[in-house]
PDB file of N, CA and C in Angstrom:
ATOM      1  N   MET A   1       0.855  -1.170   0.000  1.00  0.00           N
ATOM      2  CA  MET A   1       0.000   0.000   0.000  1.00  0.00           C
ATOM      3  C   MET A   1       0.901   1.233   0.000  1.00  0.00           C
ATOM      4  N   ILE A   2       0.633   2.144  -0.917  1.00  0.00           N
ATOM      5  CA  ILE A   2       1.443   3.366  -0.986  1.00  0.00           C
ATOM      6  C   ILE A   2       0.727   4.581  -0.411  1.00  0.00           C
ATOM      7  N   PHE A   3      -0.599   4.463  -0.252  1.00  0.00           N
ATOM      8  CA  PHE A   3      -1.351   5.584   0.305  1.00  0.00           C
ATOM      9  C   PHE A   3      -2.647   5.069   0.908  1.00  0.00           C
ATOM     10  N   ALA A   4      -3.027   5.635   2.040  1.00  0.00           N
ATOM     11  CA  ALA A   4      -4.322   5.332   2.654  1.00  0.00           C
ATOM     12  C   ALA A   4      -4.866   6.628   3.237  1.00  0.00           C
ATOM     13  N   GLY A   5      -6.146   6.789   3.199  1.00  0.00           N
ATOM     14  CA  GLY A   5      -6.761   7.981   3.761  1.00  0.00           C
ATOM     15  C   GLY A   5      -8.241   7.746   3.957  1.00  0.00           C
ATOM     16  N   GLU A   6      -8.877   8.660   4.657  1.00  0.00           N
ATOM     17  CA  GLU A   6     -10.316   8.561   4.837  1.00  0.00           C
ATOM     18  C   GLU A   6     -10.897   9.956   4.971  1.00  0.00           C
ATOM     19  N   THR A   7     -12.159  10.053   4.675  1.00  0.00           N
ATOM     20  CA  THR A   7     -12.859  11.329   4.790  1.00  0.00           C
ATOM     21  C   THR A   7     -14.325  11.041   5.067  1.00  0.00           C
ATOM     22  N   ASN A   8     -15.136  12.070   5.139  1.00  0.00           N
ATOM     23  CA  ASN A   8     -16.538  11.923   5.459  1.00  0.00           C
ATOM     24  C   ASN A   8     -17.329  12.912   4.617  1.00  0.00           C
ATOM     25  N   THR A   9     -18.520  12.524   4.191  1.00  0.00           N
ATOM     26  CA  THR A   9     -19.327  13.426   3.365  1.00  0.00           C
ATOM     27  C   THR A   9     -19.683  14.723   4.084  1.00  0.00           C
ATOM     28  N   SER A  10     -19.623  14.741   5.392  1.00  0.00           N
ATOM     29  CA  SER A  10     -19.924  15.973   6.131  1.00  0.00           C
ATOM     30  C   SER A  10     -18.878  17.061   5.868  1.00  0.00           C
ATOM     31  N   LYS A  11     -17.737  16.681   5.314  1.00  0.00           N
ATOM     32  CA  LYS A  11     -16.676  17.648   5.016  1.00  0.00           C
ATOM     33  C   LYS A  11     -16.794  18.234   3.606  1.00  0.00           C
ATOM     34  N   MET A  12     -17.775  17.752   2.833  1.00  0.00           N
ATOM     35  CA  MET A  12     -17.937  18.236   1.464  1.00  0.00           C
ATOM     36  C   MET A  12     -18.519  19.644   1.464  1.00  0.00           C
ATOM     37  N   LYS A  13     -18.052  20.479   0.547  1.00  0.00           N
ATOM     38  CA  LYS A  13     -18.548  21.855   0.445  1.00  0.00           C
ATOM     39  C   LYS A  13     -19.918  21.916  -0.202  1.00  0.00           C
ATOM     40  N   LYS A  14     -20.167  21.024  -1.170  1.00  0.00           N
ATOM     41  CA  LYS A  14     -21.462  20.975  -1.838  1.00  0.00           C
ATOM     42  C   LYS A  14     -22.194  19.712  -1.409  1.00  0.00           C
ATOM     43  N   ARG A  15     -23.505  19.794  -1.337  1.00  0.00           N
ATOM     44  CA  ARG A  15     -24.305  18.634  -0.959  1.00  0.00           C
ATOM     45  C   ARG A  15     -24.302  17.610  -2.087  1.00  0.00           C
ATOM     46  N   ILE A  16     -24.363  16.347  -1.719  1.00  0.00           N
ATOM     47  CA  ILE A  16     -24.369  15.268  -2.697  1.00  0.00           C
ATOM     48  C   ILE A  16     -25.527  15.444  -3.678  1.00  0.00           C
ATOM     49  N   GLU A  17     -26.693  15.837  -3.177  1.00  0.00           N
ATOM     50  CA  GLU A  17     -27.857  16.022  -4.035  1.00  0.00           C
ATOM     51  C   GLU A  17     -27.590  17.075  -5.116  1.00  0.00           C
ATOM     52  N   THR A  18     -26.856  18.117  -4.770  1.00  0.00           N
ATOM     53  CA  THR A  18     -26.523  19.177  -5.722  1.00  0.00           C
ATOM     54  C   THR A  18     -25.590  18.650  -6.804  1.00  0.00           C
ATOM     55  N   ILE A  19     -24.589  17.883  -6.410  1.00  0.00           N
ATOM     56  CA  ILE A  19     -23.631  17.322  -7.366  1.00  0.00           C
ATOM     57  C   ILE A  19     -24.340  16.353  -8.315  1.00  0.00           C
ATOM     58  N   VAL A  20     -25.164  15.468  -7.775  1.00  0.00           N
ATOM     59  CA  VAL A  20     -25.863  14.487  -8.605  1.00  0.00           C
ATOM     60  C   VAL A  20     -26.838  15.183  -9.554  1.00  0.00           C
ATOM     61  N   ALA A  21     -27.567  16.173  -9.066  1.00  0.00           N
ATOM     62  CA  ALA A  21     -28.502  16.917  -9.923  1.00  0.00           C
ATOM     63  C   ALA A  21     -27.752  17.565 -11.084  1.00  0.00           C
ATOM     64  N   TYR A  22     -26.583  18.125 -10.822  1.00  0.00           N
ATOM     65  CA  TYR A  22     -25.779  18.746 -11.871  1.00  0.00           C
ATOM     66  C   TYR A  22     -25.345  17.702 -12.909  1.00  0.00           C
ATOM     67  N   LEU A  23     -24.879  16.552 -12.439  1.00  0.00           N
ATOM     68  CA  LEU A  23     -24.427  15.500 -13.348  1.00  0.00           C
ATOM     69  C   LEU A  23     -25.579  14.948 -14.191  1.00  0.00           C
ATOM     70  N   LEU A  24     -26.768  14.857 -13.610  1.00  0.00           N
ATOM     71  CA  LEU A  24     -27.918  14.286 -14.308  1.00  0.00           C
ATOM     72  C   LEU A  24     -28.508  15.218 -15.366  1.00  0.00           C
ATOM     73  N   ARG A  25     -28.104  16.472 -15.371  1.00  0.00           N
ATOM     74  CA  ARG A  25     -28.640  17.410 -16.358  1.00  0.00           C
ATOM     75  C   ARG A  25     -28.377  16.937 -17.775  1.00  0.00           C
ATOM     76  N   ASP A  26     -27.199  16.424 -18.047  1.00  0.00           N
ATOM     77  CA  ASP A  26     -26.812  16.038 -19.409  1.00  0.00           C
ATOM     78  C   ASP A  26     -26.235  14.633 -19.516  1.00  0.00           C
ATOM     79  N   ASN A  27     -26.348  13.828 -18.468  1.00  0.00           N
ATOM     80  CA  ASN A  27     -25.742  12.501 -18.474  1.00  0.00           C
ATOM     81  C   ASN A  27     -26.721  11.458 -17.958  1.00  0.00           C
ATOM     82  N   VAL A  28     -26.647  10.270 -18.524  1.00  0.00           N
ATOM     83  CA  VAL A  28     -27.375   9.131 -17.987  1.00  0.00           C
ATOM     84  C   VAL A  28     -26.439   8.448 -17.006  1.00  0.00           C
ATOM     85  N   ILE A  29     -26.865   8.325 -15.761  1.00  0.00           N
ATOM     86  CA  ILE A  29     -26.019   7.719 -14.733  1.00  0.00           C
ATOM     87  C   ILE A  29     -26.730   6.476 -14.199  1.00  0.00           C
ATOM     88  N   PRO A  30     -26.186   5.291 -14.481  1.00  0.00           N
ATOM     89  CA  PRO A  30     -26.829   4.052 -14.026  1.00  0.00           C
ATOM     90  C   PRO A  30     -26.878   3.952 -12.503  1.00  0.00           C
ATOM     91  N   SER A  31     -27.900   3.295 -12.014  1.00  0.00           N
ATOM     92  CA  SER A  31     -28.018   3.039 -10.580  1.00  0.00           C
ATOM     93  C   SER A  31     -26.780   2.302 -10.091  1.00  0.00           C
ATOM     94  N   GLY A  32     -26.270   2.681  -8.938  1.00  0.00           N
ATOM     95  CA  GLY A  32     -25.092   2.039  -8.363  1.00  0.00           C
ATOM     96  C   GLY A  32     -23.778   2.679  -8.771  1.00  0.00           C
ATOM     97  N   THR A  33     -23.837   3.750  -9.556  1.00  0.00           N
ATOM     98  CA  THR A  33     -22.628   4.433  -9.994  1.00  0.00           C
ATOM     99  C   THR A  33     -21.954   5.138  -8.820  1.00  0.00           C
ATOM    100  N   LEU A  34     -20.648   5.022  -8.731  1.00  0.00           N
ATOM    101  CA  LEU A  34     -19.868   5.717  -7.707  1.00  0.00           C
ATOM    102  C   LEU A  34     -19.455   7.075  -8.263  1.00  0.00           C
ATOM    103  N   VAL A  35     -19.845   8.130  -7.552  1.00  0.00           N
ATOM    104  CA  VAL A  35     -19.467   9.484  -7.956  1.00  0.00           C
ATOM    105  C   VAL A  35     -18.311   9.913  -7.066  1.00  0.00           C
ATOM    106  N   SER A  36     -17.160  10.121  -7.669  1.00  0.00           N
ATOM    107  CA  SER A  36     -15.968  10.525  -6.921  1.00  0.00           C
ATOM    108  C   SER A  36     -15.637  11.967  -7.269  1.00  0.00           C
ATOM    109  N   THR A  37     -15.613  12.827  -6.259  1.00  0.00           N
ATOM    110  CA  THR A  37     -15.358  14.247  -6.509  1.00  0.00           C
ATOM    111  C   THR A  37     -13.880  14.585  -6.458  1.00  0.00           C
ATOM    112  N   ASP A  38     -13.050  13.660  -5.971  1.00  0.00           N
ATOM    113  CA  ASP A  38     -11.602  13.854  -5.930  1.00  0.00           C
ATOM    114  C   ASP A  38     -11.178  15.023  -5.048  1.00  0.00           C
ATOM    115  N   THR A  39     -11.973  15.367  -4.069  1.00  0.00           N
ATOM    116  CA  THR A  39     -11.596  16.497  -3.225  1.00  0.00           C
ATOM    117  C   THR A  39     -11.451  16.139  -1.754  1.00  0.00           C
ATOM    118  N   GLY A  40     -11.867  14.947  -1.361  1.00  0.00           N
ATOM    119  CA  GLY A  40     -11.845  14.597   0.054  1.00  0.00           C
ATOM    120  C   GLY A  40     -10.483  14.161   0.562  1.00  0.00           C
ATOM    121  N   ILE A  41      -9.730  13.470  -0.264  1.00  0.00           N
ATOM    122  CA  ILE A  41      -8.422  12.950   0.132  1.00  0.00           C
ATOM    123  C   ILE A  41      -7.424  13.321  -0.965  1.00  0.00           C
ATOM    124  N   ILE A  42      -6.379  14.002  -0.575  1.00  0.00           N
ATOM    125  CA  ILE A  42      -5.389  14.433  -1.562  1.00  0.00           C
ATOM    126  C   ILE A  42      -4.023  13.861  -1.180  1.00  0.00           C
ATOM    127  N   PRO A  43      -3.565  12.835  -1.911  1.00  0.00           N
ATOM    128  CA  PRO A  43      -2.246  12.262  -1.621  1.00  0.00           C
ATOM    129  C   PRO A  43      -1.133  13.218  -2.065  1.00  0.00           C
ATOM    130  N   SER A  44       0.062  12.975  -1.593  1.00  0.00           N
ATOM    131  CA  SER A  44       1.195  13.810  -1.982  1.00  0.00           C
ATOM    132  C   SER A  44       1.472  13.657  -3.478  1.00  0.00           C
ATOM    133  N   LYS A  45       2.229  14.580  -4.042  1.00  0.00           N
ATOM    134  CA  LYS A  45       2.478  14.587  -5.488  1.00  0.00           C
ATOM    135  C   LYS A  45       3.267  13.381  -5.969  1.00  0.00           C
ATOM    136  N   ASP A  46       3.991  12.705  -5.078  1.00  0.00           N
ATOM    137  CA  ASP A  46       4.775  11.551  -5.508  1.00  0.00           C
ATOM    138  C   ASP A  46       3.950  10.266  -5.615  1.00  0.00           C
ATOM    139  N   VAL A  47       2.662  10.334  -5.258  1.00  0.00           N
ATOM    140  CA  VAL A  47       1.780   9.171  -5.360  1.00  0.00           C
ATOM    141  C   VAL A  47       1.009   9.262  -6.673  1.00  0.00           C
ATOM    142  N   GLN A  48       1.309   8.354  -7.583  1.00  0.00           N
ATOM    143  CA  GLN A  48       0.637   8.325  -8.880  1.00  0.00           C
ATOM    144  C   GLN A  48       0.231   6.897  -9.200  1.00  0.00           C
ATOM    145  N   LEU A  49      -0.937   6.737  -9.818  1.00  0.00           N
ATOM    146  CA  LEU A  49      -1.353   5.407 -10.241  1.00  0.00           C
ATOM    147  C   LEU A  49      -0.544   4.975 -11.453  1.00  0.00           C
ATOM    148  N   LYS A  50      -0.210   3.693 -11.460  1.00  0.00           N
ATOM    149  CA  LYS A  50       0.524   3.111 -12.589  1.00  0.00           C
ATOM    150  C   LYS A  50      -0.290   1.962 -13.151  1.00  0.00           C
ATOM    151  N   ASP A  51      -0.018   1.577 -14.381  1.00  0.00           N
ATOM    152  CA  ASP A  51      -0.699   0.459 -15.006  1.00  0.00           C
ATOM    153  C   ASP A  51      -0.610  -0.767 -14.106  1.00  0.00           C
ATOM    154  N   GLY A  52      -1.741  -1.369 -13.817  1.00  0.00           N
ATOM    155  CA  GLY A  52      -1.772  -2.559 -12.963  1.00  0.00           C
ATOM    156  C   GLY A  52      -2.084  -2.268 -11.504  1.00  0.00           C
ATOM    157  N   ASP A  53      -2.038  -0.994 -11.083  1.00  0.00           N
ATOM    158  CA  ASP A  53      -2.386  -0.643  -9.708  1.00  0.00           C
ATOM    159  C   ASP A  53      -3.857  -0.948  -9.446  1.00  0.00           C
ATOM    160  N   VAL A  54      -4.182  -1.247  -8.215  1.00  0.00           N
ATOM    161  CA  VAL A  54      -5.559  -1.535  -7.807  1.00  0.00           C
ATOM    162  C   VAL A  54      -5.989  -0.479  -6.791  1.00  0.00           C
ATOM    163  N   VAL A  55      -7.158   0.102  -7.016  1.00  0.00           N
ATOM    164  CA  VAL A  55      -7.720   1.085  -6.087  1.00  0.00           C
ATOM    165  C   VAL A  55      -8.895   0.426  -5.387  1.00  0.00           C
ATOM    166  N   GLU A  56      -8.885   0.450  -4.055  1.00  0.00           N
ATOM    167  CA  GLU A  56      -9.990  -0.117  -3.273  1.00  0.00           C
ATOM    168  C   GLU A  56     -10.690   1.004  -2.525  1.00  0.00           C
ATOM    169  N   ILE A  57     -12.008   1.048  -2.635  1.00  0.00           N
ATOM    170  CA  ILE A  57     -12.801   2.072  -1.955  1.00  0.00           C
ATOM    171  C   ILE A  57     -13.839   1.360  -1.101  1.00  0.00           C
ATOM    172  N   TYR A  58     -13.911   1.713   0.159  1.00  0.00           N
ATOM    173  CA  TYR A  58     -14.888   1.151   1.070  1.00  0.00           C
ATOM    174  C   TYR A  58     -15.849   2.243   1.489  1.00  0.00           C
ATOM    175  N   ILE A  59     -17.133   1.931   1.462  1.00  0.00           N
ATOM    176  CA  ILE A  59     -18.157   2.887   1.833  1.00  0.00           C
ATOM    177  C   ILE A  59     -18.894   2.371   3.058  1.00  0.00           C
ATOM    178  N   GLU A  60     -18.907   3.177   4.098  1.00  0.00           N
ATOM    179  CA  GLU A  60     -19.633   2.818   5.313  1.00  0.00           C
ATOM    180  C   GLU A  60     -20.890   3.660   5.417  1.00  0.00           C
ATOM    181  N   LYS A  61     -21.957   3.072   5.887  1.00  0.00           N
ATOM    182  CA  LYS A  61     -23.197   3.826   6.086  1.00  0.00           C
ATOM    183  C   LYS A  61     -23.250   4.368   7.478  1.00  0.00           C
TER     184      LYS A  61
END
């Protein structure tokens, strides 16, 4: 593992409903789609994905 982090939706600046409504204006989004805003966890600049890397995301309710 080269990077691990966690965050919470309560730290988001925009509400999830607002983001999804914006995306749905011009896009078909299938049920179960993961929407990643890329703003909750920011790894250092030396962490980059390479071909063959695996990204695991866990969602807790």
